[in-house]
C-alpha atoms as a PDB file:
ATOM      1  CA  MET A   1      19.102 -46.208  33.871  1.00  0.00           C
ATOM      2  CA  SER A   2      17.972 -44.593  37.480  1.00  0.00           C
ATOM      3  CA  PRO A   3      14.096 -42.331  36.770  1.00  0.00           C
ATOM      4  CA  LYS A   4      16.230 -39.088  37.433  1.00  0.00           C
ATOM      5  CA  SER A   5      18.433 -39.632  34.616  1.00  0.00           C
ATOM      6  CA  PHE A   6      15.689 -41.134  32.587  1.00  0.00           C
ATOM      7  CA  PHE A   7      13.804 -37.753  32.716  1.00  0.00           C
ATOM      8  CA  ALA A   8      16.970 -35.428  32.305  1.00  0.00           C
ATOM      9  CA  LEU A   9      17.688 -37.042  29.224  1.00  0.00           C
ATOM     10  CA  ALA A  10      13.566 -36.533  28.056  1.00  0.00           C
ATOM     11  CA  GLY A  11      13.656 -32.666  28.931  1.00  0.00           C
ATOM     12  CA  ALA A  12      17.020 -32.656  26.609  1.00  0.00           C
ATOM     13  CA  ALA A  13      15.308 -34.561  23.489  1.00  0.00           C
ATOM     14  CA  ALA A  14      12.068 -32.411  24.058  1.00  0.00           C
ATOM     15  CA  LEU A  15      14.286 -29.545  24.142  1.00  0.00           C
ATOM     16  CA  LEU A  16      16.161 -30.338  20.946  1.00  0.00           C
ATOM     17  CA  VAL A  17      13.127 -30.886  18.958  1.00  0.00           C
ATOM     18  CA  SER A  18      11.124 -27.793  20.276  1.00  0.00           C
ATOM     19  CA  CYS A  19      13.872 -25.962  19.161  1.00  0.00           C
ATOM     20  CA  GLY A  20      14.252 -27.662  15.717  1.00  0.00           C
ATOM     21  CA  SER A  21      10.856 -27.305  15.150  1.00  0.00           C
ATOM     22  CA  ASP A  22      10.359 -23.732  15.729  1.00  0.00           C
ATOM     23  CA  SER A  23       8.899 -21.951  12.518  1.00  0.00           C
ATOM     24  CA  GLU A  24      10.477 -18.625  13.791  1.00  0.00           C
ATOM     25  CA  GLY A  25      14.141 -19.435  14.274  1.00  0.00           C
ATOM     26  CA  PRO A  26      17.215 -20.194  12.213  1.00  0.00           C
ATOM     27  CA  PRO A  27      16.452 -23.166  10.235  1.00  0.00           C
ATOM     28  CA  LEU A  28      19.206 -26.173  10.419  1.00  0.00           C
ATOM     29  CA  ALA A  29      22.730 -26.234   8.024  1.00  0.00           C
ATOM     30  CA  GLY A  30      21.588 -29.458   6.840  1.00  0.00           C
ATOM     31  CA  GLN A  31      17.954 -28.025   6.118  1.00  0.00           C
ATOM     32  CA  ALA A  32      19.005 -24.731   5.145  1.00  0.00           C
ATOM     33  CA  ALA A  33      21.288 -25.643   2.422  1.00  0.00           C
ATOM     34  CA  ALA A  34      18.542 -28.192   1.130  1.00  0.00           C
ATOM     35  CA  ASN A  35      15.667 -24.937   1.195  1.00  0.00           C
ATOM     36  CA  ARG A  36      18.779 -23.206  -1.221  1.00  0.00           C
ATOM     37  CA  GLY A  37      18.922 -25.782  -3.425  1.00  0.00           C
ATOM     38  CA  GLU A  38      15.132 -26.455  -3.974  1.00  0.00           C
ATOM     39  CA  GLY A  39      14.803 -22.833  -4.348  1.00  0.00           C
ATOM     40  CA  GLU A  40      17.755 -22.914  -7.416  1.00  0.00           C
ATOM     41  CA  GLN A  41      15.547 -25.948  -8.527  1.00  0.00           C
ATOM     42  CA  LEU A  42      12.435 -23.321  -8.386  1.00  0.00           C
ATOM     43  CA  TYR A  43      14.096 -20.691 -10.267  1.00  0.00           C
ATOM     44  CA  TYR A  44      15.294 -22.300 -13.338  1.00  0.00           C
ATOM     45  CA  GLN A  45      12.284 -23.814 -13.338  1.00  0.00           C
ATOM     46  CA  ALA A  46      10.233 -20.283 -13.486  1.00  0.00           C
ATOM     47  CA  LYS A  47      12.492 -19.136 -15.645  1.00  0.00           C
ATOM     48  CA  GLN A  48      12.180 -22.137 -18.300  1.00  0.00           C
ATOM     49  CA  ALA A  49       8.472 -20.974 -18.238  1.00  0.00           C
ATOM     50  CA  ASP A  50       9.225 -17.574 -18.716  1.00  0.00           C
ATOM     51  CA  ASP A  51      11.557 -18.161 -21.584  1.00  0.00           C
ATOM     52  CA  ALA A  52       8.794 -20.148 -22.843  1.00  0.00           C
ATOM     53  CA  GLY A  53       6.039 -17.395 -22.045  1.00  0.00           C
ATOM     54  CA  LYS A  54       4.462 -18.931 -19.566  1.00  0.00           C
ATOM     55  CA  ALA A  55       3.846 -16.076 -17.479  1.00  0.00           C
ATOM     56  CA  PRO A  56       1.540 -17.335 -14.840  1.00  0.00           C
ATOM     57  CA  LYS A  57       3.204 -20.099 -13.936  1.00  0.00           C
ATOM     58  CA  ALA A  58       6.973 -18.113 -13.972  1.00  0.00           C
ATOM     59  CA  ILE A  59       4.881 -15.599 -11.669  1.00  0.00           C
ATOM     60  CA  LYS A  60       4.263 -18.337  -9.040  1.00  0.00           C
ATOM     61  CA  LEU A  61       7.252 -20.684  -9.285  1.00  0.00           C
ATOM     62  CA  TYR A  62       9.763 -16.968  -9.238  1.00  0.00           C
ATOM     63  CA  ALA A  63       7.264 -15.956  -6.035  1.00  0.00           C
ATOM     64  CA  LYS A  64       8.061 -19.702  -4.655  1.00  0.00           C
ATOM     65  CA  SER A  65      12.078 -19.752  -5.262  1.00  0.00           C
ATOM     66  CA  ALA A  66      12.496 -16.163  -3.479  1.00  0.00           C
ATOM     67  CA  GLU A  67       9.999 -17.129  -0.280  1.00  0.00           C
ATOM     68  CA  LEU A  68      11.993 -20.438   0.088  1.00  0.00           C
ATOM     69  CA  ALA A  69      15.049 -19.787  -0.215  1.00  0.00           C
ATOM     70  CA  PRO A  70      15.852 -16.241   0.594  1.00  0.00           C
ATOM     71  CA  SER A  71      19.102 -16.481   0.716  1.00  0.00           C
ATOM     72  CA  ALA A  72      20.525 -18.334  -1.963  1.00  0.00           C
ATOM     73  CA  ALA A  73      21.931 -16.234  -4.812  1.00  0.00           C
ATOM     74  CA  THR A  74      19.366 -16.724  -7.186  1.00  0.00           C
ATOM     75  CA  SER A  75      16.474 -14.850  -4.561  1.00  0.00           C
ATOM     76  CA  ALA A  76      17.035 -11.368  -5.671  1.00  0.00           C
ATOM     77  CA  GLN A  77      16.753 -12.166  -9.104  1.00  0.00           C
ATOM     78  CA  ALA A  78      13.513 -14.245  -8.251  1.00  0.00           C
ATOM     79  CA  ARG A  79      12.063 -11.590  -6.861  1.00  0.00           C
ATOM     80  CA  PHE A  80      13.355  -8.765  -9.138  1.00  0.00           C
ATOM     81  CA  ARG A  81      11.620 -10.705 -12.409  1.00  0.00           C
ATOM     82  CA  GLN A  82       8.277 -11.885 -10.529  1.00  0.00           C
ATOM     83  CA  ALA A  83       8.359  -7.485  -9.715  1.00  0.00           C
ATOM     84  CA  GLN A  84       8.714  -6.584 -13.872  1.00  0.00           C
ATOM     85  CA  LEU A  85       6.304  -9.544 -14.963  1.00  0.00           C
ATOM     86  CA  LEU A  86       3.653  -8.312 -12.881  1.00  0.00           C
ATOM     87  CA  GLU A  87       4.247  -4.767 -13.833  1.00  0.00           C
ATOM     88  CA  GLN A  88       4.130  -6.129 -17.563  1.00  0.00           C
ATOM     89  CA  LYS A  89       0.482  -8.099 -16.326  1.00  0.00           C
ATOM     90  CA  GLY A  90      -0.550  -4.136 -15.643  1.00  0.00           C
ATOM     91  CA  ASP A  91      -1.186  -5.575 -11.571  1.00  0.00           C
ATOM     92  CA  VAL A  92      -0.041  -2.348 -10.467  1.00  0.00           C
ATOM     93  CA  VAL A  93      -0.044  -2.617  -6.750  1.00  0.00           C
ATOM     94  CA  ALA A  94       1.292  -6.802  -6.846  1.00  0.00           C
ATOM     95  CA  ALA A  95       4.223  -5.634  -8.777  1.00  0.00           C
ATOM     96  CA  PHE A  96       5.106  -2.709  -5.655  1.00  0.00           C
ATOM     97  CA  ASP A  97       5.052  -5.154  -3.284  1.00  0.00           C
ATOM     98  CA  ALA A  98       7.485  -7.633  -4.904  1.00  0.00           C
ATOM     99  CA  TYR A  99       9.716  -4.781  -5.609  1.00  0.00           C
ATOM    100  CA  GLN A 100       9.446  -3.741  -1.918  1.00  0.00           C
ATOM    101  CA  LYS A 101      10.509  -7.172  -0.989  1.00  0.00           C
ATOM    102  CA  VAL A 102      13.424  -6.970  -3.007  1.00  0.00           C
ATOM    103  CA  LEU A 103      14.451  -3.447  -1.323  1.00  0.00           C
ATOM    104  CA  GLU A 104      13.723  -4.780   1.960  1.00  0.00           C
ATOM    105  CA  ARG A 105      15.309  -7.837   2.145  1.00  0.00           C
ATOM    106  CA  HIS A 106      18.029  -7.507  -0.430  1.00  0.00           C
ATOM    107  CA  GLN A 107      19.712  -4.147  -0.039  1.00  0.00           C
ATOM    108  CA  GLY A 108      22.848  -5.396  -1.029  1.00  0.00           C
ATOM    109  CA  SER A 109      21.777  -6.557  -4.791  1.00  0.00           C
ATOM    110  CA  ASN A 110      22.473  -5.196  -8.049  1.00  0.00           C
ATOM    111  CA  LEU A 111      18.976  -4.761  -8.408  1.00  0.00           C
ATOM    112  CA  TYR A 112      18.172  -2.381  -5.685  1.00  0.00           C
ATOM    113  CA  ALA A 113      18.708   0.981  -7.377  1.00  0.00           C
ATOM    114  CA  THR A 114      16.286  -0.566 -10.133  1.00  0.00           C
ATOM    115  CA  ALA A 115      14.121  -2.179  -8.189  1.00  0.00           C
ATOM    116  CA  LEU A 116      13.661   1.294  -6.555  1.00  0.00           C
ATOM    117  CA  LYS A 117      13.491   3.141  -9.791  1.00  0.00           C
ATOM    118  CA  ARG A 118      10.532   0.954 -10.912  1.00  0.00           C
ATOM    119  CA  GLN A 119       8.712   1.273  -7.577  1.00  0.00           C
ATOM    120  CA  THR A 120       8.529   4.981  -7.457  1.00  0.00           C
ATOM    121  CA  ALA A 121       7.552   4.816 -11.259  1.00  0.00           C
ATOM    122  CA  LEU A 122       4.718   2.952 -10.182  1.00  0.00           C
ATOM    123  CA  ALA A 123       3.618   4.811  -6.947  1.00  0.00           C
ATOM    124  CA  GLN A 124       3.650   7.730  -9.307  1.00  0.00           C
ATOM    125  CA  SER A 125       1.899   6.392 -11.884  1.00  0.00           C
ATOM    126  CA  ALA A 126      -0.802   5.499  -9.431  1.00  0.00           C
ATOM    127  CA  ALA A 127      -1.147   8.739  -7.697  1.00  0.00           C
ATOM    128  CA  ASP A 128      -1.071  10.868 -11.188  1.00  0.00           C
ATOM    129  CA  GLY A 129      -3.920   8.799 -12.587  1.00  0.00           C
ATOM    130  CA  GLU A 130      -5.772   9.013  -8.822  1.00  0.00           C
ATOM    131  CA  VAL A 131      -5.690  12.890  -9.011  1.00  0.00           C
ATOM    132  CA  GLN A 132      -6.355  13.139 -12.955  1.00  0.00           C
ATOM    133  CA  THR A 133      -9.217  10.629 -12.290  1.00  0.00           C
ATOM    134  CA  SER A 134     -10.787  13.419  -9.055  1.00  0.00           C
ATOM    135  CA  PHE A 135     -10.600  16.147 -11.208  1.00  0.00           C
ATOM    136  CA  LEU A 136     -12.345  14.852 -14.177  1.00  0.00           C
ATOM    137  CA  GLY A 137     -15.254  13.110 -11.318  1.00  0.00           C
ATOM    138  CA  LEU A 138     -14.547   9.322 -11.781  1.00  0.00           C
ATOM    139  CA  LYS A 139     -14.015   7.069  -9.702  1.00  0.00           C
ATOM    140  CA  SER A 140      -9.616   5.291  -9.334  1.00  0.00           C
ATOM    141  CA  GLY A 141      -9.318   1.554  -9.735  1.00  0.00           C
ATOM    142  CA  LEU A 142      -7.049   2.343  -7.006  1.00  0.00           C
ATOM    143  CA  SER A 143      -8.339   3.552  -3.284  1.00  0.00           C
ATOM    144  CA  SER A 144      -6.096   6.906  -2.514  1.00  0.00           C
ATOM    145  CA  GLU A 145      -5.324   5.510   0.838  1.00  0.00           C
ATOM    146  CA  LYS A 146      -3.632   2.568  -1.028  1.00  0.00           C
ATOM    147  CA  VAL A 147      -1.601   4.778  -3.352  1.00  0.00           C
ATOM    148  CA  VAL A 148      -0.554   7.401  -0.316  1.00  0.00           C
ATOM    149  CA  GLY A 149       1.027   4.402   1.656  1.00  0.00           C
ATOM    150  CA  MET A 150       2.487   3.499  -1.500  1.00  0.00           C
ATOM    151  CA  LEU A 151       4.323   7.165  -2.043  1.00  0.00           C
ATOM    152  CA  GLU A 152       5.141   6.858   1.971  1.00  0.00           C
ATOM    153  CA  LYS A 153       7.106   3.564   1.023  1.00  0.00           C
ATOM    154  CA  VAL A 154       8.982   5.246  -2.047  1.00  0.00           C
ATOM    155  CA  ARG A 155       9.783   7.993   0.255  1.00  0.00           C
ATOM    156  CA  ASP A 156      10.856   6.292   3.791  1.00  0.00           C
ATOM    157  CA  ASN A 157      12.525   3.490   1.364  1.00  0.00           C
ATOM    158  CA  ALA A 158      15.168   6.884   0.653  1.00  0.00           C
ATOM    159  CA  PRO A 159      14.567   9.435   2.497  1.00  0.00           C
ATOM    160  CA  LYS A 160      17.551  11.787   1.873  1.00  0.00           C
ATOM    161  CA  SER A 161      16.870  11.282  -2.204  1.00  0.00           C
ATOM    162  CA  ALA A 162      14.759  13.582  -4.702  1.00  0.00           C
ATOM    163  CA  THR A 163      12.208  10.802  -5.118  1.00  0.00           C
ATOM    164  CA  ALA A 164      11.519  11.249  -0.982  1.00  0.00           C
ATOM    165  CA  SER A 165      10.444  14.965  -1.234  1.00  0.00           C
ATOM    166  CA  LYS A 166       8.553  14.309  -4.395  1.00  0.00           C
ATOM    167  CA  ALA A 167       6.426  11.289  -2.921  1.00  0.00           C
ATOM    168  CA  GLN A 168       5.376  13.742   0.042  1.00  0.00           C
ATOM    169  CA  PHE A 169       4.309  16.437  -2.746  1.00  0.00           C
ATOM    170  CA  THR A 170       2.246  13.961  -4.246  1.00  0.00           C
ATOM    171  CA  ILE A 171       0.563  12.478  -1.329  1.00  0.00           C
ATOM    172  CA  GLY A 172      -0.381  16.350  -0.569  1.00  0.00           C
ATOM    173  CA  GLU A 173      -1.411  17.204  -4.491  1.00  0.00           C
ATOM    174  CA  LEU A 174      -3.305  13.863  -3.688  1.00  0.00           C
ATOM    175  CA  HIS A 175      -5.140  14.873  -0.978  1.00  0.00           C
ATOM    176  CA  GLN A 176      -5.900  18.595  -2.290  1.00  0.00           C
ATOM    177  CA  SER A 177      -7.558  16.536  -5.475  1.00  0.00           C
ATOM    178  CA  LYS A 178      -9.597  14.950  -3.586  1.00  0.00           C
ATOM    179  CA  LYS A 179     -10.317  17.900  -1.190  1.00  0.00           C
ATOM    180  CA  GLN A 180      -9.362  16.415   1.984  1.00  0.00           C
ATOM    181  CA  GLU A 181      -8.211  19.654   2.693  1.00  0.00           C
ATOM    182  CA  LYS A 182      -6.844  18.902   6.564  1.00  0.00           C
ATOM    183  CA  GLU A 183      -4.380  16.184   5.548  1.00  0.00           C
ATOM    184  CA  ALA A 184      -2.679  18.246   2.346  1.00  0.00           C
ATOM    185  CA  ILE A 185      -1.910  20.795   4.496  1.00  0.00           C
ATOM    186  CA  GLU A 186      -0.660  18.058   6.759  1.00  0.00           C
ATOM    187  CA  ALA A 187       1.612  16.660   4.060  1.00  0.00           C
ATOM    188  CA  PHE A 188       2.713  19.933   2.659  1.00  0.00           C
ATOM    189  CA  ARG A 189       3.657  21.129   5.775  1.00  0.00           C
ATOM    190  CA  LYS A 190       5.386  17.996   6.753  1.00  0.00           C
ATOM    191  CA  LEU A 191       7.320  19.071   3.113  1.00  0.00           C
ATOM    192  CA  VAL A 192       8.454  22.180   3.627  1.00  0.00           C
ATOM    193  CA  ARG A 193       9.371  20.765   7.645  1.00  0.00           C
ATOM    194  CA  ASP A 194      11.484  17.485   6.226  1.00  0.00           C
ATOM    195  CA  PHE A 195      12.663  19.002   2.722  1.00  0.00           C
ATOM    196  CA  PRO A 196      12.785  22.664   2.347  1.00  0.00           C
ATOM    197  CA  ASP A 197      15.872  22.842   0.288  1.00  0.00           C
ATOM    198  CA  SER A 198      13.772  20.279  -2.500  1.00  0.00           C
ATOM    199  CA  LYS A 199      12.148  21.493  -5.549  1.00  0.00           C
ATOM    200  CA  GLU A 200       8.929  20.736  -4.645  1.00  0.00           C
ATOM    201  CA  ALA A 201       9.171  22.647  -1.646  1.00  0.00           C
ATOM    202  CA  PRO A 202       8.795  26.443  -2.474  1.00  0.00           C
ATOM    203  CA  GLU A 203       4.928  25.325  -4.904  1.00  0.00           C
ATOM    204  CA  GLY A 204       4.178  22.722  -1.325  1.00  0.00           C
ATOM    205  CA  GLN A 205       3.889  25.926   0.386  1.00  0.00           C
ATOM    206  CA  PHE A 206       2.273  28.064  -1.869  1.00  0.00           C
ATOM    207  CA  ARG A 207      -0.058  25.344  -1.585  1.00  0.00           C
ATOM    208  CA  ILE A 208      -0.651  25.298   2.217  1.00  0.00           C
ATOM    209  CA  GLY A 209      -1.843  28.849   0.933  1.00  0.00           C
ATOM    210  CA  LYS A 210      -4.414  27.680  -1.749  1.00  0.00           C
ATOM    211  CA  VAL A 211      -6.361  25.222   0.471  1.00  0.00           C
ATOM    212  CA  PHE A 212      -6.687  27.342   2.705  1.00  0.00           C
ATOM    213  CA  VAL A 213      -8.242  29.898   0.039  1.00  0.00           C
ATOM    214  CA  ALA A 214     -10.251  26.802  -1.286  1.00  0.00           C
ATOM    215  CA  GLN A 215     -11.309  26.544   2.137  1.00  0.00           C
ATOM    216  CA  ALA A 216     -12.546  29.868   2.479  1.00  0.00           C
ATOM    217  CA  GLU A 217     -14.695  29.437  -0.974  1.00  0.00           C
ATOM    218  CA  ARG A 218     -16.715  26.576   0.384  1.00  0.00           C
ATOM    219  CA  GLY A 219     -18.040  28.883   3.250  1.00  0.00           C
ATOM    220  CA  ASN A 220     -15.748  28.934   6.178  1.00  0.00           C
ATOM    221  CA  GLN A 221     -14.665  32.477   5.770  1.00  0.00           C
ATOM    222  CA  ASN A 222     -13.601  33.004   9.612  1.00  0.00           C
ATOM    223  CA  GLN A 223     -11.082  35.052  10.286  1.00  0.00           C
ATOM    224  CA  ALA A 224      -8.669  32.323  11.180  1.00  0.00           C
ATOM    225  CA  THR A 225      -9.007  30.673   7.942  1.00  0.00           C
ATOM    226  CA  LEU A 226      -8.122  33.968   6.341  1.00  0.00           C
ATOM    227  CA  ASP A 227      -5.594  34.459   8.725  1.00  0.00           C
ATOM    228  CA  LEU A 228      -3.937  31.149   8.103  1.00  0.00           C
ATOM    229  CA  ALA A 229      -4.115  31.651   4.743  1.00  0.00           C
ATOM    230  CA  ARG A 230      -2.606  34.821   4.530  1.00  0.00           C
ATOM    231  CA  GLU A 231       0.325  33.756   7.174  1.00  0.00           C
ATOM    232  CA  ALA A 232       0.969  30.934   4.487  1.00  0.00           C
ATOM    233  CA  PHE A 233       1.596  33.089   1.752  1.00  0.00           C
ATOM    234  CA  GLN A 234       3.378  35.111   3.339  1.00  0.00           C
ATOM    235  CA  ASP A 235       6.149  32.930   4.823  1.00  0.00           C
ATOM    236  CA  TYR A 236       6.287  31.821   0.998  1.00  0.00           C
ATOM    237  CA  LEU A 237       6.913  35.133  -0.332  1.00  0.00           C
ATOM    238  CA  GLN A 238       9.975  34.912   2.609  1.00  0.00           C
ATOM    239  CA  GLN A 239      11.042  31.939   2.489  1.00  0.00           C
ATOM    240  CA  TYR A 240      11.355  31.460  -1.162  1.00  0.00           C
ATOM    241  CA  PRO A 241      11.470  34.931  -3.510  1.00  0.00           C
ATOM    242  CA  GLY A 242      11.721  35.051  -6.895  1.00  0.00           C
ATOM    243  CA  HIS A 243       9.903  31.648  -7.236  1.00  0.00           C
ATOM    244  CA  SER A 244       7.611  31.256 -10.701  1.00  0.00           C
ATOM    245  CA  ARG A 245       4.326  31.697  -8.208  1.00  0.00           C
ATOM    246  CA  ASN A 246       5.585  35.087  -6.294  1.00  0.00           C
ATOM    247  CA  ALA A 247       3.433  37.110  -8.066  1.00  0.00           C
ATOM    248  CA  GLU A 248       0.329  35.053  -8.117  1.00  0.00           C
ATOM    249  CA  ALA A 249       1.347  34.939  -4.379  1.00  0.00           C
ATOM    250  CA  LYS A 250       1.177  38.999  -3.983  1.00  0.00           C
ATOM    251  CA  GLN A 251      -2.308  38.917  -5.893  1.00  0.00           C
ATOM    252  CA  LEU A 252      -3.861  36.203  -3.204  1.00  0.00           C
ATOM    253  CA  LEU A 253      -2.907  38.812  -0.227  1.00  0.00           C
ATOM    254  CA  ALA A 254      -4.224  42.180  -1.776  1.00  0.00           C
ATOM    255  CA  GLU A 255      -7.728  39.719  -2.507  1.00  0.00           C
ATOM    256  CA  LEU A 256      -7.242  38.262   1.314  1.00  0.00           C
ATOM    257  CA  GLY A 257      -6.768  42.007   2.684  1.00  0.00           C
ATOM    258  CA  GLY A 258     -10.126  42.534  -0.085  1.00  0.00           C
ATOM    259  CA  ARG A 259     -12.289  39.877   2.071  1.00  0.00           C
ATOM    260  CA  ASN A 260     -11.103  40.525   5.453  1.00  0.00           C
ATOM    261  CA  VAL A 261     -12.251  44.664   4.676  1.00  0.00           C
ATOM    262  CA  GLN A 262     -15.766  42.752   3.554  1.00  0.00           C
ATOM    263  CA  ARG A 263     -15.999  40.437   6.921  1.00  0.00           C
ATOM    264  CA  THR A 264     -15.553  44.078   8.954  1.00  0.00           C
ATOM    265  CA  PHE A 265     -18.048  45.966   7.335  1.00  0.00           C
ATOM    266  CA  ASP A 266     -20.483  43.125   7.254  1.00  0.00           C
ATOM    267  CA  VAL A 267     -19.679  42.614  10.707  1.00  0.00           C
ATOM    268  CA  ALA A 268     -20.568  46.634  11.542  1.00  0.00           C
ATOM    269  CA  GLU A 269     -23.439  46.721   9.525  1.00  0.00           C
ATOM    270  CA  PHE A 270     -24.307  43.933  11.621  1.00  0.00           C
ATOM    271  CA  TYR A 271     -24.149  45.701  14.422  1.00  0.00           C
ATOM    272  CA  LEU A 272     -25.633  49.354  13.134  1.00  0.00           C
ATOM    273  CA  LYS A 273     -29.211  46.655  12.471  1.00  0.00           C
ATOM    274  CA  THR A 274     -28.876  45.394  15.880  1.00  0.00           C
ATOM    275  CA  GLY A 275     -28.961  48.946  17.580  1.00  0.00           C
ATOM    276  CA  GLU A 276     -25.699  48.147  18.386  1.00  0.00           C
ATOM    277  CA  LYS A 277     -24.428  52.426  17.386  1.00  0.00           C
ATOM    278  CA  GLU A 278     -20.719  52.360  19.032  1.00  0.00           C
ATOM    279  CA  SER A 279     -20.162  48.933  17.967  1.00  0.00           C
ATOM    280  CA  ALA A 280     -20.741  49.628  14.386  1.00  0.00           C
ATOM    281  CA  LYS A 281     -18.318  52.436  15.255  1.00  0.00           C
ATOM    282  CA  VAL A 282     -15.636  50.644  15.940  1.00  0.00           C
ATOM    283  CA  TYR A 283     -16.007  47.968  13.098  1.00  0.00           C
ATOM    284  CA  TYR A 284     -17.076  51.268  10.220  1.00  0.00           C
ATOM    285  CA  ARG A 285     -13.633  52.841  11.334  1.00  0.00           C
ATOM    286  CA  GLN A 286     -11.650  50.005  10.685  1.00  0.00           C
ATOM    287  CA  VAL A 287     -12.973  49.653   7.150  1.00  0.00           C
ATOM    288  CA  VAL A 288     -11.726  52.959   6.587  1.00  0.00           C
ATOM    289  CA  LYS A 289      -8.557  52.947   7.835  1.00  0.00           C
ATOM    290  CA  ARG A 290      -8.076  48.759   6.420  1.00  0.00           C
ATOM    291  CA  ALA A 291      -9.441  50.413   3.161  1.00  0.00           C
ATOM    292  CA  GLY A 292      -7.963  52.985   2.575  1.00  0.00           C
ATOM    293  CA  SER A 293     -10.064  54.832  -0.853  1.00  0.00           C
ATOM    294  CA  GLY A 294     -12.497  52.542  -2.681  1.00  0.00           C
ATOM    295  CA  GLN A 295     -16.609  51.965  -1.857  1.00  0.00           C
ATOM    296  CA  LEU A 296     -16.063  50.356   1.165  1.00  0.00           C
ATOM    297  CA  HIS A 297     -14.090  52.353   2.495  1.00  0.00           C
ATOM    298  CA  ASP A 298     -16.735  55.419   1.211  1.00  0.00           C
ATOM    299  CA  GLN A 299     -19.920  53.524   2.290  1.00  0.00           C
ATOM    300  CA  ALA A 300     -18.085  53.738   5.434  1.00  0.00           C
ATOM    301  CA  LYS A 301     -17.595  57.475   6.008  1.00  0.00           C
ATOM    302  CA  ALA A 302     -21.543  57.697   4.718  1.00  0.00           C
ATOM    303  CA  ARG A 303     -22.010  55.300   7.446  1.00  0.00           C
ATOM    304  CA  LEU A 304     -19.841  56.601   9.924  1.00  0.00           C
ATOM    305  CA  ALA A 305     -21.066  60.446   9.598  1.00  0.00           C
ATOM    306  CA  GLU A 306     -25.124  59.244  10.097  1.00  0.00           C
ATOM    307  CA  LEU A 307     -24.052  58.113  13.134  1.00  0.00           C
ATOM    308  CA  GLY A 308     -22.985  61.653  13.919  1.00  0.00           C
ATOM    309  CA  GLU A 309     -19.024  61.506  14.071  1.00  0.00           C
ATOM    310  CA  ARG A 310     -17.829  63.480  10.997  1.00  0.00           C
END
């Protein structure tokens, strides 16, 4: 054999070896069949352990079976049963992730709908617990970031379903309970934008106004915050007339108007104390016009009279 022919054959052999050993490439037909056979055998071993009440062993074997032979007939059942056992064990995150693998890898399985339902229940339960502990001032076992990530997966797994809008609302509610006001507003706005006809959308729009009110009550009473709260409630009343919280929104709008008048009066008082009488008059006139009547109205009129304006 000539040297040229020898090196050509060697190169071809090396190429074949490299293709066969590439872990990211598809396995050879014989290897895939062997994996399926071993995966199914592991599944039946897992089932024996499961039936014998040996849950930890069964969980490990179900997981190994599903990973070894993802295309085997037993793979979806193995992963689903692994998730069930983890859920029974109370390992919420691991169970959620196992259900996620069912949804990602076995979309044609008759277990898909049940896996989605159980995953949704796990995420919602985790969120409810996190919200509750937040309001009580306690520390939950899961971080809010982890729970939000779970809810986002639930939302994205079935983006056209009612579970998606519920998950998005819960994301906003979770942020709100943590006083993460910017994130809460963004989440509720996404809810109203992406799911405007959902049953959660009206409450989401109302919550946007409530979060801005909370910001004002915590000291951020600049005019922009009050204006954003007012716009949120006005949008809520316009988009969702007849919703159960319409009366409350109207009351909050009235209170925001009162805060605005008080703020204007305070500005007028500041200018008066600093000797800026003409500027003070401008703001006192606004108080008189906006208030219409009441204590601030009368005080502003009295100040204007003191400044020579009748």
